[in-house]
Amino acid sequence: MKNVFLAVPVVAAIFAALVSGSAFAAEPSERQIRNAFTFDIPPVWDVRDFKVEATQNFGSNIEPLYKSRFNASIEVKEDTFEPLGRLGDVLVLRQVLPAGHAVKVYGISSATLNQGQWVFAFDLQGSPFAAVGEPRGAFSGLAVVQGSDEHTALAARIEQERQAALEAERKRAAEERKAWEEAEAAQRKRVAEHFSSVERVLTSGVVLQGIYIDEGTLSRQRHQIEVSFSDYDAASGTFKARMTWQSGAILALDGKADDKTLSMVETAWIANPRGSGVAFQRYDGTILGHGIDGITCRNANFDGQCSAAASRFSLGLPE
């Protein structure tokens, strides 16, 4: 009976040792933590050195939660970049880190069991992976690195294309300007030739267009008018005219002309859609280089002095 009682403490001690040894063996190894950390960090980084400084179970033997303080030396496997801007359709990249750039990392790992496997989470001190860029392959499409031969050649080509486009635009603008100036010169010549003499004005058959401005009204009313000429007699200087107003009114006129002046007197209504009065008037005009400018007179005859009404008119070639 004495031997039996002595055997109990021995068995308990052996069992305690086995349990203790089993718990220690179940602790995640440094290699397991390192492997998990390698997969947790961005793939452009490589773990060169890894050391667990301390480990403690914050859970229980049933639901373990092992936390380990560690430090690691990691380095960039290849150059990293970030977008700088675009040259045309090509992305320009700025190098952030060169291949081999090393960083010291400190952190805490947490390990829990899930279906017999350790599951790790990492809490790093600071932000070692912030603003470190991406490898070249992370950028899709056409891309060049700032300062590279590709970048220099692309910038030169785009500048050459820009200068060529500017030169083409300057050439086009110069041609348009020249064409406009030639058209303006041709128009001025045509106008000058048309108004070079009374005979040309009265016999060309061209209907003149212009405005009638009533200076006697507060709003200085402006009316569009057209005048055509016919039956010019060079010996007497007489002619017939027809004046059409924008209102639709049409009047017949008799005219007399000399070298640079002409007078026209309204004689009859051809059309009078608004039923306007019959107070006919006279138009005295001077032929200038650009057209005919003149005033209206209240007396509708050629002999009397012009009793000027508060209105004037101007006639020129159609646009």
C-alpha atoms as a PDB file:
ATOM      1  CA  MET A   1       0.000   0.000   0.000  1.00  0.00           C
ATOM      2  CA  LYS A   2       2.878   2.333   0.746  1.00  0.00           C
ATOM      3  CA  ASN A   3       4.368   1.783  -2.691  1.00  0.00           C
ATOM      4  CA  VAL A   4       1.089   2.645  -4.357  1.00  0.00           C
ATOM      5  CA  PHE A   5       0.897   6.028  -2.624  1.00  0.00           C
ATOM      6  CA  LEU A   6       4.487   6.781  -3.489  1.00  0.00           C
ATOM      7  CA  ALA A   7       3.777   6.008  -7.168  1.00  0.00           C
ATOM      8  CA  VAL A   8       0.986   8.614  -7.460  1.00  0.00           C
ATOM      9  CA  PRO A   9       3.210  11.723  -7.106  1.00  0.00           C
ATOM     10  CA  VAL A  10       5.659  10.227  -9.578  1.00  0.00           C
ATOM     11  CA  VAL A  11       2.947   9.636 -12.199  1.00  0.00           C
ATOM     12  CA  ALA A  12       1.563  13.169 -11.665  1.00  0.00           C
ATOM     13  CA  ALA A  13       4.999  14.649 -12.107  1.00  0.00           C
ATOM     14  CA  ILE A  14       5.563  12.702 -15.321  1.00  0.00           C
ATOM     15  CA  PHE A  15       2.101  13.779 -16.670  1.00  0.00           C
ATOM     16  CA  ALA A  16       2.811  17.428 -15.808  1.00  0.00           C
ATOM     17  CA  ALA A  17       6.120  17.209 -17.604  1.00  0.00           C
ATOM     18  CA  LEU A  18       4.450  15.699 -20.661  1.00  0.00           C
ATOM     19  CA  VAL A  19       1.747  18.401 -20.706  1.00  0.00           C
ATOM     20  CA  SER A  20       4.341  21.121 -20.289  1.00  0.00           C
ATOM     21  CA  GLY A  21       6.474  19.679 -23.064  1.00  0.00           C
ATOM     22  CA  SER A  22       3.446  19.347 -25.363  1.00  0.00           C
ATOM     23  CA  ALA A  23       2.444  22.986 -24.802  1.00  0.00           C
ATOM     24  CA  PHE A  24       5.947  24.198 -25.581  1.00  0.00           C
ATOM     25  CA  ALA A  25       6.111  22.072 -28.717  1.00  0.00           C
ATOM     26  CA  ALA A  26       2.757  23.545 -29.922  1.00  0.00           C
ATOM     27  CA  GLU A  27       4.170  27.094 -29.859  1.00  0.00           C
ATOM     28  CA  PRO A  28       4.629  28.551 -33.429  1.00  0.00           C
ATOM     29  CA  SER A  29       8.246  28.429 -34.454  1.00  0.00           C
ATOM     30  CA  GLU A  30      10.347  31.366 -35.672  1.00  0.00           C
ATOM     31  CA  ARG A  31      10.449  29.720 -39.102  1.00  0.00           C
ATOM     32  CA  GLN A  32       6.647  29.543 -39.241  1.00  0.00           C
ATOM     33  CA  ILE A  33       6.350  33.220 -38.239  1.00  0.00           C
ATOM     34  CA  ARG A  34       8.973  34.240 -40.806  1.00  0.00           C
ATOM     35  CA  ASN A  35       7.266  32.297 -43.603  1.00  0.00           C
ATOM     36  CA  ALA A  36       3.900  33.853 -42.758  1.00  0.00           C
ATOM     37  CA  PHE A  37       5.468  37.329 -42.618  1.00  0.00           C
ATOM     38  CA  THR A  38       7.085  36.779 -46.023  1.00  0.00           C
ATOM     39  CA  PHE A  39       3.650  36.150 -47.564  1.00  0.00           C
ATOM     40  CA  ASP A  40       2.034  39.021 -45.651  1.00  0.00           C
ATOM     41  CA  ILE A  41       4.291  41.838 -46.921  1.00  0.00           C
ATOM     42  CA  PRO A  42       4.038  43.259 -50.480  1.00  0.00           C
ATOM     43  CA  PRO A  43       5.606  40.845 -52.997  1.00  0.00           C
ATOM     44  CA  VAL A  44       8.230  43.366 -54.121  1.00  0.00           C
ATOM     45  CA  TRP A  45       9.926  42.980 -50.711  1.00  0.00           C
ATOM     46  CA  ASP A  46      12.209  40.123 -49.686  1.00  0.00           C
ATOM     47  CA  VAL A  47      12.996  39.074 -46.092  1.00  0.00           C
ATOM     48  CA  ARG A  48      16.761  38.946 -45.552  1.00  0.00           C
ATOM     49  CA  ASP A  49      16.857  38.499 -41.791  1.00  0.00           C
ATOM     50  CA  PHE A  50      14.176  37.659 -39.223  1.00  0.00           C
ATOM     51  CA  LYS A  51      14.465  37.298 -35.437  1.00  0.00           C
ATOM     52  CA  VAL A  52      11.854  36.574 -32.781  1.00  0.00           C
ATOM     53  CA  GLU A  53      12.799  38.410 -29.600  1.00  0.00           C
ATOM     54  CA  ALA A  54      10.097  37.088 -27.253  1.00  0.00           C
ATOM     55  CA  THR A  55       6.942  34.957 -27.347  1.00  0.00           C
ATOM     56  CA  GLN A  56       4.053  34.666 -24.878  1.00  0.00           C
ATOM     57  CA  ASN A  57       0.728  32.824 -24.867  1.00  0.00           C
ATOM     58  CA  PHE A  58      -2.064  35.311 -24.076  1.00  0.00           C
ATOM     59  CA  GLY A  59      -4.710  32.595 -24.483  1.00  0.00           C
ATOM     60  CA  SER A  60      -4.884  29.147 -22.969  1.00  0.00           C
ATOM     61  CA  ASN A  61      -3.765  25.627 -23.794  1.00  0.00           C
ATOM     62  CA  ILE A  62      -7.233  25.073 -25.259  1.00  0.00           C
ATOM     63  CA  GLU A  63      -7.423  28.332 -27.232  1.00  0.00           C
ATOM     64  CA  PRO A  64      -3.851  29.576 -27.561  1.00  0.00           C
ATOM     65  CA  LEU A  65      -3.014  33.116 -28.665  1.00  0.00           C
ATOM     66  CA  TYR A  66       0.705  33.455 -29.089  1.00  0.00           C
ATOM     67  CA  LYS A  67       2.140  36.904 -29.565  1.00  0.00           C
ATOM     68  CA  SER A  68       5.734  37.319 -30.640  1.00  0.00           C
ATOM     69  CA  ARG A  69       7.841  40.446 -30.768  1.00  0.00           C
ATOM     70  CA  PHE A  70      10.173  40.367 -33.766  1.00  0.00           C
ATOM     71  CA  ASN A  71      12.407  42.449 -35.980  1.00  0.00           C
ATOM     72  CA  ALA A  72      13.260  41.857 -39.611  1.00  0.00           C
ATOM     73  CA  SER A  73      15.525  43.217 -42.305  1.00  0.00           C
ATOM     74  CA  ILE A  74      13.765  43.432 -45.676  1.00  0.00           C
ATOM     75  CA  GLU A  75      14.851  44.823 -49.043  1.00  0.00           C
ATOM     76  CA  VAL A  76      13.289  45.725 -52.362  1.00  0.00           C
ATOM     77  CA  LYS A  77      13.725  43.022 -55.013  1.00  0.00           C
ATOM     78  CA  GLU A  78      13.460  45.489 -57.941  1.00  0.00           C
ATOM     79  CA  ASP A  79      13.160  49.206 -58.621  1.00  0.00           C
ATOM     80  CA  THR A  80       9.848  50.776 -57.615  1.00  0.00           C
ATOM     81  CA  PHE A  81       8.063  53.694 -59.279  1.00  0.00           C
ATOM     82  CA  GLU A  82       5.126  56.079 -58.976  1.00  0.00           C
ATOM     83  CA  PRO A  83       3.192  57.986 -61.682  1.00  0.00           C
ATOM     84  CA  LEU A  84       4.581  61.439 -62.429  1.00  0.00           C
ATOM     85  CA  GLY A  85       2.408  62.552 -65.335  1.00  0.00           C
ATOM     86  CA  ARG A  86       1.775  61.836 -69.000  1.00  0.00           C
ATOM     87  CA  LEU A  87       3.449  62.688 -72.288  1.00  0.00           C
ATOM     88  CA  GLY A  88       0.693  62.280 -74.809  1.00  0.00           C
ATOM     89  CA  ASP A  89      -0.689  58.782 -74.248  1.00  0.00           C
ATOM     90  CA  VAL A  90       2.438  57.551 -72.450  1.00  0.00           C
ATOM     91  CA  LEU A  91       2.660  57.378 -68.642  1.00  0.00           C
ATOM     92  CA  VAL A  92       5.826  58.866 -67.129  1.00  0.00           C
ATOM     93  CA  LEU A  93       7.111  57.098 -64.001  1.00  0.00           C
ATOM     94  CA  ARG A  94       9.379  58.488 -61.290  1.00  0.00           C
ATOM     95  CA  GLN A  95      11.668  56.036 -59.493  1.00  0.00           C
ATOM     96  CA  VAL A  96      10.939  55.816 -55.769  1.00  0.00           C
ATOM     97  CA  LEU A  97      13.298  53.095 -54.504  1.00  0.00           C
ATOM     98  CA  PRO A  98      16.186  51.273 -56.161  1.00  0.00           C
ATOM     99  CA  ALA A  99      16.508  47.494 -56.073  1.00  0.00           C
ATOM    100  CA  GLY A 100      18.297  46.399 -52.891  1.00  0.00           C
ATOM    101  CA  HIS A 101      16.992  49.270 -50.764  1.00  0.00           C
ATOM    102  CA  ALA A 102      16.844  47.838 -47.187  1.00  0.00           C
ATOM    103  CA  VAL A 103      14.441  48.649 -44.337  1.00  0.00           C
ATOM    104  CA  LYS A 104      14.415  47.496 -40.715  1.00  0.00           C
ATOM    105  CA  VAL A 105      10.945  46.418 -39.555  1.00  0.00           C
ATOM    106  CA  TYR A 106       9.699  45.917 -35.995  1.00  0.00           C
ATOM    107  CA  GLY A 107       6.380  44.394 -35.079  1.00  0.00           C
ATOM    108  CA  ILE A 108       4.180  41.947 -33.187  1.00  0.00           C
ATOM    109  CA  SER A 109       2.797  38.732 -34.653  1.00  0.00           C
ATOM    110  CA  SER A 110      -0.372  37.086 -33.340  1.00  0.00           C
ATOM    111  CA  ALA A 111      -0.954  33.361 -33.922  1.00  0.00           C
ATOM    112  CA  THR A 112      -4.165  31.435 -33.379  1.00  0.00           C
ATOM    113  CA  LEU A 113      -5.067  27.854 -34.249  1.00  0.00           C
ATOM    114  CA  ASN A 114      -7.610  27.101 -36.968  1.00  0.00           C
ATOM    115  CA  GLN A 115      -8.212  23.464 -37.930  1.00  0.00           C
ATOM    116  CA  GLY A 116      -4.817  22.530 -36.593  1.00  0.00           C
ATOM    117  CA  GLN A 117      -2.947  25.256 -38.478  1.00  0.00           C
ATOM    118  CA  TRP A 118      -1.462  28.485 -37.199  1.00  0.00           C
ATOM    119  CA  VAL A 119      -3.080  31.617 -38.569  1.00  0.00           C
ATOM    120  CA  PHE A 120      -0.960  34.753 -38.281  1.00  0.00           C
ATOM    121  CA  ALA A 121      -1.681  38.475 -38.149  1.00  0.00           C
ATOM    122  CA  PHE A 122       0.995  41.168 -38.019  1.00  0.00           C
ATOM    123  CA  ASP A 123       1.012  44.573 -36.391  1.00  0.00           C
ATOM    124  CA  LEU A 124       3.974  46.633 -37.598  1.00  0.00           C
ATOM    125  CA  GLN A 125       5.435  49.690 -35.932  1.00  0.00           C
ATOM    126  CA  GLY A 126       5.262  52.764 -38.163  1.00  0.00           C
ATOM    127  CA  SER A 127       4.382  52.545 -41.863  1.00  0.00           C
ATOM    128  CA  PRO A 128       7.339  50.869 -43.562  1.00  0.00           C
ATOM    129  CA  PHE A 129       5.402  50.217 -46.803  1.00  0.00           C
ATOM    130  CA  ALA A 130       3.873  53.675 -47.225  1.00  0.00           C
ATOM    131  CA  ALA A 131       4.808  55.668 -50.329  1.00  0.00           C
ATOM    132  CA  VAL A 132       7.353  53.110 -51.552  1.00  0.00           C
ATOM    133  CA  GLY A 133       5.921  52.851 -55.078  1.00  0.00           C
ATOM    134  CA  GLU A 134       5.189  49.834 -57.244  1.00  0.00           C
ATOM    135  CA  PRO A 135       7.333  47.658 -59.518  1.00  0.00           C
ATOM    136  CA  ARG A 136       7.401  48.565 -63.222  1.00  0.00           C
ATOM    137  CA  GLY A 137       5.114  45.655 -64.092  1.00  0.00           C
ATOM    138  CA  ALA A 138       2.312  47.079 -61.937  1.00  0.00           C
ATOM    139  CA  PHE A 139       1.670  49.849 -64.487  1.00  0.00           C
ATOM    140  CA  SER A 140      -0.304  48.795 -67.535  1.00  0.00           C
ATOM    141  CA  GLY A 141      -0.029  50.409 -70.944  1.00  0.00           C
ATOM    142  CA  LEU A 142       2.840  52.395 -72.372  1.00  0.00           C
ATOM    143  CA  ALA A 143       5.160  53.853 -69.743  1.00  0.00           C
ATOM    144  CA  VAL A 144       8.633  55.403 -69.595  1.00  0.00           C
ATOM    145  CA  VAL A 145      10.883  56.203 -66.655  1.00  0.00           C
ATOM    146  CA  GLN A 146      11.702  59.837 -65.992  1.00  0.00           C
ATOM    147  CA  GLY A 147      15.176  60.711 -67.238  1.00  0.00           C
ATOM    148  CA  SER A 148      15.599  57.513 -69.256  1.00  0.00           C
ATOM    149  CA  ASP A 149      16.621  57.468 -72.927  1.00  0.00           C
ATOM    150  CA  GLU A 150      13.049  56.447 -73.758  1.00  0.00           C
ATOM    151  CA  HIS A 151      11.719  59.451 -71.862  1.00  0.00           C
ATOM    152  CA  THR A 152      14.148  61.853 -73.546  1.00  0.00           C
ATOM    153  CA  ALA A 153      13.359  60.501 -77.021  1.00  0.00           C
ATOM    154  CA  LEU A 154       9.607  60.602 -76.385  1.00  0.00           C
ATOM    155  CA  ALA A 155       9.733  64.186 -75.075  1.00  0.00           C
ATOM    156  CA  ALA A 156      11.784  65.247 -78.110  1.00  0.00           C
ATOM    157  CA  ARG A 157       9.355  63.571 -80.506  1.00  0.00           C
ATOM    158  CA  ILE A 158       6.299  65.123 -78.843  1.00  0.00           C
ATOM    159  CA  GLU A 159       7.940  68.559 -78.853  1.00  0.00           C
ATOM    160  CA  GLN A 160       8.792  68.114 -82.517  1.00  0.00           C
ATOM    161  CA  GLU A 161       5.184  67.173 -83.262  1.00  0.00           C
ATOM    162  CA  ARG A 162       3.971  70.165 -81.233  1.00  0.00           C
ATOM    163  CA  GLN A 163       6.245  72.538 -83.119  1.00  0.00           C
ATOM    164  CA  ALA A 164       5.129  71.011 -86.424  1.00  0.00           C
ATOM    165  CA  ALA A 165       1.486  71.485 -85.422  1.00  0.00           C
ATOM    166  CA  LEU A 166       2.176  75.091 -84.398  1.00  0.00           C
ATOM    167  CA  GLU A 167       3.950  75.740 -87.680  1.00  0.00           C
ATOM    168  CA  ALA A 168       1.068  74.185 -89.614  1.00  0.00           C
ATOM    169  CA  GLU A 169      -1.380  76.345 -87.652  1.00  0.00           C
ATOM    170  CA  ARG A 170       0.702  79.465 -88.307  1.00  0.00           C
ATOM    171  CA  LYS A 171       0.845  78.582 -91.994  1.00  0.00           C
ATOM    172  CA  ARG A 172      -2.898  77.985 -92.127  1.00  0.00           C
ATOM    173  CA  ALA A 173      -3.587  81.254 -90.290  1.00  0.00           C
ATOM    174  CA  ALA A 174      -1.220  83.116 -92.619  1.00  0.00           C
ATOM    175  CA  GLU A 175      -2.925  81.616 -95.674  1.00  0.00           C
ATOM    176  CA  GLU A 176      -6.354  82.514 -94.286  1.00  0.00           C
ATOM    177  CA  ARG A 177      -5.125  86.036 -93.528  1.00  0.00           C
ATOM    178  CA  LYS A 178      -3.691  86.379 -97.014  1.00  0.00           C
ATOM    179  CA  ALA A 179      -6.902  85.075 -98.582  1.00  0.00           C
ATOM    180  CA  TRP A 180      -8.937  87.492 -96.439  1.00  0.00           C
ATOM    181  CA  GLU A 181      -6.691  90.428 -97.326  1.00  0.00           C
ATOM    182  CA  GLU A 182      -6.882  89.523-101.017  1.00  0.00           C
ATOM    183  CA  ALA A 183     -10.663  89.252-100.788  1.00  0.00           C
ATOM    184  CA  GLU A 184     -10.811  92.591 -98.951  1.00  0.00           C
ATOM    185  CA  ALA A 185      -8.566  94.194-101.562  1.00  0.00           C
ATOM    186  CA  ALA A 186     -10.683  92.729-104.352  1.00  0.00           C
ATOM    187  CA  GLN A 187     -13.849  94.008-102.653  1.00  0.00           C
ATOM    188  CA  ARG A 188     -12.354  97.479-102.179  1.00  0.00           C
ATOM    189  CA  LYS A 189     -11.310  97.494-105.829  1.00  0.00           C
ATOM    190  CA  ARG A 190     -14.773  96.356-106.912  1.00  0.00           C
ATOM    191  CA  VAL A 191     -16.411  99.036-104.770  1.00  0.00           C
ATOM    192  CA  ALA A 192     -14.041 101.739-105.990  1.00  0.00           C
ATOM    193  CA  GLU A 193     -14.607 100.754-109.599  1.00  0.00           C
ATOM    194  CA  HIS A 194     -18.372 100.618-109.138  1.00  0.00           C
ATOM    195  CA  PHE A 195     -18.548 104.076-107.589  1.00  0.00           C
ATOM    196  CA  SER A 196     -15.940 105.609-109.884  1.00  0.00           C
ATOM    197  CA  SER A 197     -18.640 107.422-111.893  1.00  0.00           C
ATOM    198  CA  VAL A 198     -22.340 108.191-111.899  1.00  0.00           C
ATOM    199  CA  GLU A 199     -22.759 106.408-115.206  1.00  0.00           C
ATOM    200  CA  ARG A 200     -21.360 103.151-113.821  1.00  0.00           C
ATOM    201  CA  VAL A 201     -23.597 103.323-110.767  1.00  0.00           C
ATOM    202  CA  LEU A 202     -26.715 103.968-112.848  1.00  0.00           C
ATOM    203  CA  THR A 203     -26.056 101.498-115.676  1.00  0.00           C
ATOM    204  CA  SER A 204     -24.479  98.471-113.925  1.00  0.00           C
ATOM    205  CA  GLY A 205     -27.813  96.936-113.008  1.00  0.00           C
ATOM    206  CA  VAL A 206     -26.583  96.246-109.476  1.00  0.00           C
ATOM    207  CA  VAL A 207     -29.188  96.814-106.767  1.00  0.00           C
ATOM    208  CA  LEU A 208     -27.669  98.900-103.971  1.00  0.00           C
ATOM    209  CA  GLN A 209     -28.412  98.085-100.350  1.00  0.00           C
ATOM    210  CA  GLY A 210     -28.294 100.433 -97.410  1.00  0.00           C
ATOM    211  CA  ILE A 211     -30.002 102.076 -94.468  1.00  0.00           C
ATOM    212  CA  TYR A 212     -32.332 104.990 -93.871  1.00  0.00           C
ATOM    213  CA  ILE A 213     -31.796 106.594 -90.443  1.00  0.00           C
ATOM    214  CA  ASP A 214     -34.562 108.749 -88.998  1.00  0.00           C
ATOM    215  CA  GLU A 215     -32.624 111.213 -86.831  1.00  0.00           C
ATOM    216  CA  GLY A 216     -35.861 112.903 -85.777  1.00  0.00           C
ATOM    217  CA  THR A 217     -36.906 110.033 -83.494  1.00  0.00           C
ATOM    218  CA  LEU A 218     -35.567 109.399 -80.007  1.00  0.00           C
ATOM    219  CA  SER A 219     -34.516 105.886 -80.992  1.00  0.00           C
ATOM    220  CA  ARG A 220     -32.972 107.031 -84.293  1.00  0.00           C
ATOM    221  CA  GLN A 221     -34.922 104.374 -86.143  1.00  0.00           C
ATOM    222  CA  ARG A 222     -33.009 102.510 -88.824  1.00  0.00           C
ATOM    223  CA  HIS A 223     -34.664 100.949 -91.855  1.00  0.00           C
ATOM    224  CA  GLN A 224     -33.171  98.662 -94.459  1.00  0.00           C
ATOM    225  CA  ILE A 225     -33.637  99.894 -98.024  1.00  0.00           C
ATOM    226  CA  GLU A 226     -32.732  98.741-101.549  1.00  0.00           C
ATOM    227  CA  VAL A 227     -32.460 100.982-104.616  1.00  0.00           C
ATOM    228  CA  SER A 228     -32.305  99.921-108.275  1.00  0.00           C
ATOM    229  CA  PHE A 229     -31.701 102.229-111.254  1.00  0.00           C
ATOM    230  CA  SER A 230     -32.931 102.214-114.873  1.00  0.00           C
ATOM    231  CA  ASP A 231     -33.464 104.411-117.979  1.00  0.00           C
ATOM    232  CA  TYR A 232     -30.317 106.478-117.529  1.00  0.00           C
ATOM    233  CA  ASP A 233     -29.906 109.217-120.178  1.00  0.00           C
ATOM    234  CA  ALA A 234     -26.294 110.379-120.240  1.00  0.00           C
ATOM    235  CA  ALA A 235     -27.117 113.511-122.260  1.00  0.00           C
ATOM    236  CA  SER A 236     -29.659 114.870-119.773  1.00  0.00           C
ATOM    237  CA  GLY A 237     -28.368 113.043-116.680  1.00  0.00           C
ATOM    238  CA  THR A 238     -31.860 111.759-115.886  1.00  0.00           C
ATOM    239  CA  PHE A 239     -32.807 108.283-114.716  1.00  0.00           C
ATOM    240  CA  LYS A 240     -35.527 106.262-113.015  1.00  0.00           C
ATOM    241  CA  ALA A 241     -35.208 104.501-109.641  1.00  0.00           C
ATOM    242  CA  ARG A 242     -37.123 102.088-107.471  1.00  0.00           C
ATOM    243  CA  MET A 243     -36.782 102.056-103.663  1.00  0.00           C
ATOM    244  CA  THR A 244     -37.853  99.037-101.596  1.00  0.00           C
ATOM    245  CA  TRP A 245     -38.206  99.265 -97.799  1.00  0.00           C
ATOM    246  CA  GLN A 246     -37.955  96.458 -95.282  1.00  0.00           C
ATOM    247  CA  SER A 247     -41.638  97.014 -94.455  1.00  0.00           C
ATOM    248  CA  GLY A 248     -42.539  95.936 -97.988  1.00  0.00           C
ATOM    249  CA  ALA A 249     -43.286  99.458 -99.239  1.00  0.00           C
ATOM    250  CA  ILE A 250     -42.008 100.200-102.758  1.00  0.00           C
ATOM    251  CA  LEU A 251     -41.725 103.688-104.294  1.00  0.00           C
ATOM    252  CA  ALA A 252     -40.968 104.919-107.792  1.00  0.00           C
ATOM    253  CA  LEU A 253     -38.506 107.830-108.129  1.00  0.00           C
ATOM    254  CA  ASP A 254     -37.261 110.209-110.790  1.00  0.00           C
ATOM    255  CA  GLY A 255     -33.630 111.172-110.675  1.00  0.00           C
ATOM    256  CA  LYS A 256     -31.056 113.637-111.953  1.00  0.00           C
ATOM    257  CA  ALA A 257     -27.278 113.152-111.756  1.00  0.00           C
ATOM    258  CA  ASP A 258     -24.045 114.945-112.568  1.00  0.00           C
ATOM    259  CA  ASP A 259     -20.414 113.929-112.093  1.00  0.00           C
ATOM    260  CA  LYS A 260     -20.534 112.995-108.391  1.00  0.00           C
ATOM    261  CA  THR A 261     -24.006 113.849-107.106  1.00  0.00           C
ATOM    262  CA  LEU A 262     -27.523 112.674-107.679  1.00  0.00           C
ATOM    263  CA  SER A 263     -31.014 113.660-106.556  1.00  0.00           C
ATOM    264  CA  MET A 264     -34.081 111.422-106.487  1.00  0.00           C
ATOM    265  CA  VAL A 265     -37.683 112.483-105.945  1.00  0.00           C
ATOM    266  CA  GLU A 266     -40.419 110.080-104.886  1.00  0.00           C
ATOM    267  CA  THR A 267     -43.239 110.137-107.456  1.00  0.00           C
ATOM    268  CA  ALA A 268     -45.575 107.201-106.762  1.00  0.00           C
ATOM    269  CA  TRP A 269     -46.302 104.202-104.587  1.00  0.00           C
ATOM    270  CA  ILE A 270     -45.771 100.849-106.219  1.00  0.00           C
ATOM    271  CA  ALA A 271     -46.680  99.004-103.019  1.00  0.00           C
ATOM    272  CA  ASN A 272     -47.991 100.505 -99.787  1.00  0.00           C
ATOM    273  CA  PRO A 273     -48.865  97.628 -97.396  1.00  0.00           C
ATOM    274  CA  ARG A 274     -49.155  99.857 -94.325  1.00  0.00           C
ATOM    275  CA  GLY A 275     -51.166 102.590 -96.021  1.00  0.00           C
ATOM    276  CA  SER A 276     -48.545 105.265 -95.352  1.00  0.00           C
ATOM    277  CA  GLY A 277     -49.162 108.882 -96.325  1.00  0.00           C
ATOM    278  CA  VAL A 278     -48.209 110.444 -99.691  1.00  0.00           C
ATOM    279  CA  ALA A 279     -45.871 113.132 -98.392  1.00  0.00           C
ATOM    280  CA  PHE A 280     -43.143 112.384-100.879  1.00  0.00           C
ATOM    281  CA  GLN A 281     -39.588 113.554-100.269  1.00  0.00           C
ATOM    282  CA  ARG A 282     -36.316 114.062-102.087  1.00  0.00           C
ATOM    283  CA  TYR A 283     -32.969 112.324-101.625  1.00  0.00           C
ATOM    284  CA  ASP A 284     -29.747 114.244-102.286  1.00  0.00           C
ATOM    285  CA  GLY A 285     -26.651 112.060-102.320  1.00  0.00           C
ATOM    286  CA  THR A 286     -22.935 112.233-103.066  1.00  0.00           C
ATOM    287  CA  ILE A 287     -21.031 109.417-104.727  1.00  0.00           C
ATOM    288  CA  LEU A 288     -17.990 108.557-102.590  1.00  0.00           C
ATOM    289  CA  GLY A 289     -15.334 105.886-102.898  1.00  0.00           C
ATOM    290  CA  HIS A 290     -17.306 103.422-100.784  1.00  0.00           C
ATOM    291  CA  GLY A 291     -20.913 104.210-101.824  1.00  0.00           C
ATOM    292  CA  ILE A 292     -23.534 106.934-101.773  1.00  0.00           C
ATOM    293  CA  ASP A 293     -24.218 109.029 -98.647  1.00  0.00           C
ATOM    294  CA  GLY A 294     -26.926 111.672 -98.450  1.00  0.00           C
ATOM    295  CA  ILE A 295     -29.816 113.396 -96.717  1.00  0.00           C
ATOM    296  CA  THR A 296     -33.563 113.631 -97.319  1.00  0.00           C
ATOM    297  CA  CYS A 297     -35.415 116.829 -98.188  1.00  0.00           C
ATOM    298  CA  ARG A 298     -39.004 117.711 -97.376  1.00  0.00           C
ATOM    299  CA  ASN A 299     -39.648 119.389-100.738  1.00  0.00           C
ATOM    300  CA  ALA A 300     -40.268 116.784-103.418  1.00  0.00           C
ATOM    301  CA  ASN A 301     -38.890 118.674-106.472  1.00  0.00           C
ATOM    302  CA  PHE A 302     -35.509 119.291-108.037  1.00  0.00           C
ATOM    303  CA  ASP A 303     -35.612 123.072-108.208  1.00  0.00           C
ATOM    304  CA  GLY A 304     -36.167 124.254-104.645  1.00  0.00           C
ATOM    305  CA  GLN A 305     -33.621 124.461-101.889  1.00  0.00           C
ATOM    306  CA  CYS A 306     -33.319 121.311 -99.787  1.00  0.00           C
ATOM    307  CA  SER A 307     -35.324 121.805 -96.633  1.00  0.00           C
ATOM    308  CA  ALA A 308     -33.434 119.133 -94.737  1.00  0.00           C
ATOM    309  CA  ALA A 309     -35.463 116.639 -92.811  1.00  0.00           C
ATOM    310  CA  ALA A 310     -33.963 114.968 -89.769  1.00  0.00           C
ATOM    311  CA  SER A 311     -32.964 111.828 -91.690  1.00  0.00           C
ATOM    312  CA  ARG A 312     -30.136 110.524 -93.818  1.00  0.00           C
ATOM    313  CA  PHE A 313     -29.379 107.526 -95.988  1.00  0.00           C
ATOM    314  CA  SER A 314     -26.409 105.470 -97.120  1.00  0.00           C
ATOM    315  CA  LEU A 315     -26.161 103.025-100.049  1.00  0.00           C
ATOM    316  CA  GLY A 316     -23.470 100.509-100.941  1.00  0.00           C
ATOM    317  CA  LEU A 317     -22.845  97.262-102.774  1.00  0.00           C
ATOM    318  CA  PRO A 318     -24.504  94.131-101.426  1.00  0.00           C
ATOM    319  CA  GLU A 319     -22.380  91.972 -99.118  1.00  0.00           C
END
